[in-house]
Protein backbone atom coordinates (compact mmCIF):
# COMPACT_ATOMS: atom_id res chain seq x y z
CA MET A 1 0.00 0.00 0.00
CA HIS A 2 2.86 2.36 0.87
CA VAL A 3 4.47 1.76 -2.53
CA PHE A 4 1.12 2.30 -4.28
CA ILE A 5 0.62 5.66 -2.55
CA LYS A 6 4.13 6.78 -3.49
CA ARG A 7 3.53 5.87 -7.13
CA LEU A 8 0.16 7.59 -7.12
CA LEU A 9 1.67 10.77 -5.66
CA PHE A 10 4.44 10.61 -8.24
CA LEU A 11 1.93 10.37 -11.08
CA LEU A 12 -0.14 13.20 -9.63
CA GLY A 13 3.00 15.29 -9.39
CA ILE A 14 3.77 14.67 -13.06
CA VAL A 15 0.22 15.64 -14.03
CA LEU A 16 0.41 18.85 -11.99
CA VAL A 17 3.76 19.78 -13.54
CA LEU A 18 2.36 19.17 -17.04
CA LEU A 19 -0.75 21.23 -16.28
CA LEU A 20 1.40 24.05 -14.89
CA ALA A 21 3.59 23.93 -18.00
CA SER A 22 0.52 24.02 -20.24
CA PHE A 23 -0.96 26.95 -18.30
CA THR A 24 2.32 28.90 -18.36
CA TYR A 25 2.82 28.36 -22.08
CA HIS A 26 -0.82 29.27 -22.72
CA ARG A 27 -0.56 32.58 -20.86
CA LEU A 28 2.67 33.52 -22.63
CA ALA A 29 1.18 32.55 -26.00
CA LEU A 30 -1.93 34.65 -25.33
CA GLN A 31 0.25 37.71 -24.71
CA ARG A 32 2.06 37.11 -27.99
CA GLU A 33 -1.12 36.42 -29.96
CA ASN A 34 -3.04 39.40 -28.59
CA ALA A 35 -0.82 41.69 -30.64
CA SER A 36 -2.36 40.34 -33.84
CA LEU A 37 -5.97 40.30 -32.61
CA ASN A 38 -7.00 43.73 -33.80
CA PRO A 39 -10.79 44.03 -34.23
CA VAL A 40 -11.87 44.10 -37.86
CA GLY A 41 -15.12 45.90 -37.06
CA GLN A 42 -16.38 48.48 -34.59
CA MET A 43 -16.14 48.08 -30.82
CA VAL A 44 -19.15 49.67 -29.12
CA ALA A 45 -19.69 50.06 -25.38
CA VAL A 46 -22.83 48.27 -24.20
CA ASN A 47 -23.86 47.26 -20.68
CA GLY A 48 -20.41 47.92 -19.23
CA TYR A 49 -18.25 46.16 -21.81
CA LYS A 50 -17.43 46.33 -25.53
CA ILE A 51 -19.19 44.38 -28.27
CA SER A 52 -17.74 43.74 -31.73
CA VAL A 53 -19.91 44.71 -34.71
CA PHE A 54 -18.71 44.00 -38.24
CA VAL A 55 -20.35 45.94 -41.08
CA LYS A 56 -19.71 45.38 -44.77
CA GLY A 57 -21.42 46.87 -47.83
CA GLN A 58 -23.86 49.71 -48.44
CA GLY A 59 -26.84 47.83 -49.86
CA SER A 60 -30.47 48.75 -49.26
CA GLN A 61 -31.21 45.45 -47.47
CA THR A 62 -29.54 44.86 -44.10
CA LEU A 63 -28.68 41.26 -43.23
CA VAL A 64 -27.85 40.72 -39.55
CA PHE A 65 -25.96 37.50 -38.71
CA LEU A 66 -26.24 35.94 -35.24
CA SER A 67 -24.11 32.90 -34.41
CA GLY A 68 -24.95 29.77 -32.49
CA ALA A 69 -23.51 28.85 -29.10
CA GLY A 70 -19.77 28.26 -28.82
CA THR A 71 -18.79 29.71 -32.20
CA ALA A 72 -15.46 31.28 -31.27
CA SER A 73 -15.36 33.79 -34.14
CA PRO A 74 -18.73 34.56 -35.77
CA ILE A 75 -17.11 37.04 -38.19
CA LEU A 76 -14.82 34.33 -39.57
CA ASP A 77 -17.41 31.58 -39.27
CA PHE A 78 -19.87 33.41 -41.53
CA LYS A 79 -17.20 34.79 -43.86
CA ASP A 80 -17.66 32.44 -46.82
CA VAL A 81 -21.42 33.08 -46.60
CA TYR A 82 -21.51 36.88 -46.57
CA ASP A 83 -18.64 37.10 -49.08
CA GLY A 84 -20.89 35.18 -51.48
CA PHE A 85 -23.69 37.73 -51.42
CA SER A 86 -23.94 40.39 -54.09
CA LYS A 87 -23.03 43.99 -53.31
CA GLU A 88 -26.66 45.06 -52.96
CA TYR A 89 -26.72 43.97 -49.30
CA LYS A 90 -25.39 45.52 -46.12
CA ILE A 91 -23.84 42.73 -44.05
CA VAL A 92 -23.72 42.96 -40.25
CA VAL A 93 -22.28 40.41 -37.81
CA VAL A 94 -22.88 41.06 -34.11
CA GLU A 95 -20.57 39.10 -31.81
CA ARG A 96 -22.13 38.46 -28.40
CA ALA A 97 -20.24 38.81 -25.12
CA ASP A 98 -16.79 37.17 -25.47
CA TYR A 99 -17.50 35.86 -28.94
CA GLY A 100 -14.88 36.89 -31.49
CA TYR A 101 -13.46 40.28 -30.56
CA SER A 102 -16.11 41.13 -27.94
CA GLU A 103 -15.12 41.43 -24.29
CA ASP A 104 -16.12 38.92 -21.63
CA THR A 105 -18.72 39.63 -18.96
CA SER A 106 -20.13 37.92 -15.88
CA LYS A 107 -23.46 39.71 -16.28
CA SER A 108 -26.72 37.86 -16.83
CA ARG A 109 -27.05 35.87 -20.05
CA ASP A 110 -30.83 36.06 -19.92
CA VAL A 111 -32.10 36.12 -23.50
CA SER A 112 -33.74 39.51 -22.97
CA VAL A 113 -30.37 40.93 -21.86
CA ILE A 114 -28.62 39.44 -24.91
CA LEU A 115 -31.28 40.88 -27.23
CA SER A 116 -31.03 44.29 -25.58
CA GLU A 117 -27.26 44.28 -26.06
CA THR A 118 -27.60 43.29 -29.73
CA ARG A 119 -30.11 46.07 -30.42
CA GLN A 120 -27.97 48.62 -28.61
CA SER A 121 -24.90 47.47 -30.54
CA LEU A 122 -26.68 48.02 -33.86
CA ALA A 123 -27.93 51.44 -32.79
CA LYS A 124 -24.48 52.54 -31.62
CA SER A 125 -23.01 51.26 -34.90
CA GLN A 126 -25.57 53.40 -36.74
CA VAL A 127 -27.14 50.37 -38.41
CA SER A 128 -30.87 50.90 -38.65
CA GLY A 129 -33.68 48.46 -39.43
CA PRO A 130 -35.84 46.85 -40.38
CA TYR A 131 -33.45 43.89 -40.56
CA ILE A 132 -33.38 40.52 -42.25
CA ILE A 133 -32.05 38.29 -39.49
CA LEU A 134 -29.95 35.22 -40.29
CA SER A 135 -29.46 33.29 -37.08
CA HIS A 136 -27.86 29.93 -36.40
CA SER A 137 -28.71 27.28 -33.81
CA MET A 138 -29.21 28.73 -30.31
CA ALA A 139 -29.59 32.27 -31.67
CA SER A 140 -33.12 31.08 -32.47
CA LEU A 141 -34.16 32.12 -28.96
CA GLU A 142 -32.92 35.68 -29.39
CA THR A 143 -34.54 35.92 -32.82
CA LEU A 144 -37.90 34.63 -31.57
CA LEU A 145 -37.91 37.16 -28.76
CA TRP A 146 -36.88 39.92 -31.18
CA GLN A 147 -39.76 39.35 -33.59
CA GLU A 148 -42.18 38.96 -30.66
CA ASN A 149 -41.25 42.19 -28.88
CA TYR A 150 -40.06 44.41 -31.74
CA PRO A 151 -41.80 43.20 -34.93
CA SER A 152 -41.30 46.52 -36.72
CA GLU A 153 -37.52 45.96 -36.58
CA VAL A 154 -37.61 42.54 -38.27
CA LYS A 155 -38.46 42.38 -41.98
CA ALA A 156 -37.79 38.66 -42.45
CA VAL A 157 -36.02 35.74 -40.79
CA VAL A 158 -33.64 33.12 -42.19
CA CYS A 159 -33.33 30.18 -39.78
CA LEU A 160 -29.90 28.58 -40.19
CA ASP A 161 -30.57 25.15 -38.69
CA TRP A 162 -32.26 26.51 -35.60
CA ALA A 163 -32.18 24.75 -32.27
CA PHE A 164 -35.93 24.90 -31.80
CA PRO A 165 -37.46 25.53 -28.40
CA GLU A 166 -39.00 22.05 -28.43
CA SER A 167 -35.51 20.52 -28.63
CA TYR A 168 -34.49 22.14 -25.34
CA PHE A 169 -36.97 19.95 -23.48
CA GLN A 170 -34.94 16.94 -24.61
CA LEU A 171 -31.53 18.57 -24.35
CA LYS A 172 -29.28 17.04 -21.71
CA ARG A 173 -26.97 19.56 -20.12
CA HIS A 174 -24.15 18.52 -17.80
CA PRO A 175 -23.13 21.67 -15.89
CA GLN A 176 -20.11 20.05 -14.27
CA MET A 177 -18.81 18.87 -17.64
CA LEU A 178 -19.21 22.39 -19.03
CA ARG A 179 -17.34 23.85 -16.07
CA LEU A 180 -14.61 21.24 -16.48
CA ALA A 181 -14.31 22.14 -20.16
CA ARG A 182 -13.92 25.79 -19.16
CA TRP A 183 -11.05 24.88 -16.82
CA GLU A 184 -9.43 22.87 -19.59
CA SER A 185 -9.66 25.89 -21.86
CA GLN A 186 -8.20 28.16 -19.16
CA LEU A 187 -5.28 25.75 -18.73
CA GLY A 188 -4.52 25.89 -22.44
CA LEU A 189 -5.42 22.26 -23.17
CA LEU A 190 -7.45 23.40 -26.18
CA ARG A 191 -4.13 23.91 -27.96
CA LEU A 192 -3.57 20.15 -27.85
CA LEU A 193 -6.84 19.29 -29.61
CA PRO A 194 -7.44 19.00 -33.38
CA ARG A 195 -8.79 22.27 -34.72
CA GLN A 196 -11.73 20.44 -36.33
CA LEU A 197 -13.24 20.15 -32.85
CA TYR A 198 -13.60 23.91 -32.41
CA MET A 199 -13.28 25.37 -35.93
CA PRO A 200 -16.35 24.53 -38.04
CA ASN A 201 -15.31 26.60 -41.07
CA GLU A 202 -12.60 24.72 -42.96
CA ASN A 203 -13.10 26.92 -46.04
CA LEU A 204 -11.01 29.70 -44.55
CA SER A 205 -7.61 30.69 -45.90
CA ASP A 206 -4.53 29.59 -43.95
CA SER A 207 -4.14 33.04 -42.40
CA ASP A 208 -7.80 33.18 -41.35
CA ARG A 209 -7.54 29.68 -39.89
CA ARG A 210 -4.62 30.77 -37.74
CA LEU A 211 -6.58 33.85 -36.68
CA TYR A 212 -9.62 31.72 -35.81
CA GLN A 213 -7.40 29.46 -33.69
CA GLU A 214 -5.93 32.39 -31.80
CA ILE A 215 -9.39 33.79 -31.10
CA ALA A 216 -10.59 30.35 -29.96
CA TYR A 217 -7.64 29.95 -27.59
CA ARG A 218 -8.55 33.26 -25.97
CA GLN A 219 -12.35 33.15 -26.08
CA LEU A 220 -13.70 29.63 -26.16
CA LEU A 221 -15.72 28.66 -23.08
CA SER A 222 -15.30 32.04 -21.48
CA GLN A 223 -17.41 33.05 -18.48
CA ALA A 224 -20.07 34.52 -20.76
CA MET A 225 -20.20 31.44 -23.01
CA LEU A 226 -20.45 29.15 -19.99
CA ASN A 227 -23.26 31.17 -18.40
CA GLU A 228 -25.09 31.36 -21.73
CA SER A 229 -25.04 27.56 -22.10
CA LEU A 230 -26.06 26.96 -18.49
CA CYS A 231 -29.17 29.13 -18.78
CA ALA A 232 -30.27 27.92 -22.25
CA LYS A 233 -33.24 25.95 -20.92
CA GLU A 234 -34.40 28.87 -18.80
CA ASN A 235 -34.10 31.19 -21.79
CA ASP A 236 -36.19 28.77 -23.83
CA LYS A 237 -39.08 29.25 -21.38
CA LYS A 238 -39.00 33.01 -21.93
CA VAL A 239 -39.88 33.02 -25.63
CA ASN A 240 -43.03 32.10 -27.51
CA SER A 241 -42.06 28.67 -28.78
CA THR A 242 -45.09 28.10 -30.98
CA SER A 243 -44.64 30.32 -34.02
CA ILE A 244 -43.31 33.39 -35.78
CA LYS A 245 -45.71 36.23 -36.48
CA SER A 246 -47.85 35.20 -39.45
CA GLN A 247 -47.10 38.24 -41.59
CA MET A 248 -43.33 37.79 -41.34
CA PRO A 249 -41.60 35.85 -44.18
CA VAL A 250 -39.43 33.00 -42.90
CA LEU A 251 -36.93 30.74 -44.65
CA LEU A 252 -36.27 27.67 -42.57
CA MET A 253 -33.07 25.83 -43.56
CA VAL A 254 -32.58 22.44 -41.88
CA SER A 255 -29.51 20.18 -41.71
CA ASN A 256 -29.31 16.41 -41.26
CA GLY A 257 -28.74 16.94 -37.54
CA LYS A 258 -25.16 15.69 -37.42
CA GLY A 259 -23.29 17.52 -34.69
CA THR A 260 -26.41 18.46 -32.73
CA GLY A 261 -26.61 15.43 -30.48
CA PHE A 262 -29.89 14.40 -32.13
CA GLY A 263 -30.53 11.91 -34.91
CA GLN A 264 -31.70 13.18 -38.31
CA GLU A 265 -35.30 12.07 -37.88
CA GLN A 266 -35.71 13.70 -34.48
CA TRP A 267 -33.84 16.89 -35.45
CA ARG A 268 -35.97 17.38 -38.54
CA HIS A 269 -39.11 16.59 -36.58
CA TYR A 270 -38.49 19.70 -34.47
CA ALA A 271 -38.36 21.79 -37.65
CA THR A 272 -41.46 20.31 -39.30
CA SER A 273 -43.38 20.58 -36.03
CA PHE A 274 -42.46 24.25 -35.73
CA ALA A 275 -43.37 24.99 -39.35
CA LYS A 276 -46.70 23.16 -39.25
CA GLY A 277 -49.57 25.42 -40.25
CA GLN A 278 -47.35 28.47 -40.86
CA LYS A 279 -48.09 29.66 -44.40
CA ASN A 280 -45.44 32.36 -44.12
CA MET A 281 -42.66 29.76 -43.82
CA GLU A 282 -40.60 28.12 -46.56
CA VAL A 283 -38.67 24.99 -45.51
CA THR A 284 -35.59 23.55 -47.23
CA TYR A 285 -33.49 20.54 -46.19
CA TYR A 286 -29.74 19.97 -46.55
CA ASP A 287 -27.94 16.66 -46.27
CA SER A 288 -25.07 18.26 -44.36
CA PRO A 289 -24.08 18.70 -40.68
CA HIS A 290 -25.25 21.43 -38.31
CA TYR A 291 -22.93 24.04 -39.84
CA PHE A 292 -24.39 23.17 -43.23
CA TYR A 293 -23.58 26.59 -44.69
CA HIS A 294 -19.91 25.55 -44.87
CA TYR A 295 -20.75 22.51 -46.98
CA GLN A 296 -23.43 23.75 -49.38
CA THR A 297 -22.56 27.43 -49.35
CA LYS A 298 -23.39 28.40 -52.93
CA GLU A 299 -26.68 26.54 -52.88
CA MET A 300 -27.88 28.15 -49.65
CA ILE A 301 -26.74 31.63 -50.73
CA ARG A 302 -28.77 31.26 -53.91
CA SER A 303 -31.82 30.21 -51.88
CA ILE A 304 -31.42 33.13 -49.48
CA GLU A 305 -31.06 35.67 -52.28
CA GLU A 306 -34.19 34.34 -53.99
CA PHE A 307 -36.04 34.51 -50.67
CA VAL A 308 -34.87 38.07 -49.96
CA GLN A 309 -35.84 39.23 -53.45
CA GLU A 310 -39.31 37.75 -53.08
CA THR A 311 -39.62 39.32 -49.64
CA THR A 312 -38.62 42.81 -50.74
CA ASP A 313 -40.41 42.98 -54.12
């Protein structure tokens, strides 16, 4: 037993030394990398911290992109999508607290707070509505609340593989696992993982991939991201989960469910159930994973442009 304890302590000592080495290297690397992380958009002060807002183009139609949970760099994640649109659109990407270039915060991640911060960010960036909102995954909750409370600001909605409110009833969250993942990120262990695990957009150039990695090392599973994930189910209860206002045009784009934790049949059931009886909603299906817009980019851009033209004619 005495020998076993000595060996166990020895192994624990090795683990602690390795973790300390990883943490030290991570902190030094962050200092070096921060020099190259200059915001590509505007930084506007909202609710006590700064939010990153990227604006491109001068078109008459304003497309506002909202990312799903855990997307380290929304500006880079959506890049191959908004670069594919014609010049007649104004493109806006709002990066929530500690997403992309935005600062971290420990303040409430209640969906009403997130929506308020997004609206303030747009106003301070002098981007006026009404908007065509393109939102991915968990940003469905913010979008639903937006069109419920401020319908005059939302001209149309494009649902990029939404995580529908019904799915949150079945969603299994493991708070301790999420907190453990945050500690792993803080210790720099993310640097040891394949980038495919945290970088969904493989269409980026080599330089943009490196930039995405550096942002992920700094931002992924921050305090704000952790709190946002932990309160997802509570946020779901605060929106009208049954429909979108009947007069609002909606394009619902649905993946095969891979990467969501649900099988294809169940994932698509949530979409068809949500769309049932809504004559204002057009539904299209893609045989691609959750970030389907990186796999069938040209096809989905064409569908969105046709939808927007029909909406604005």
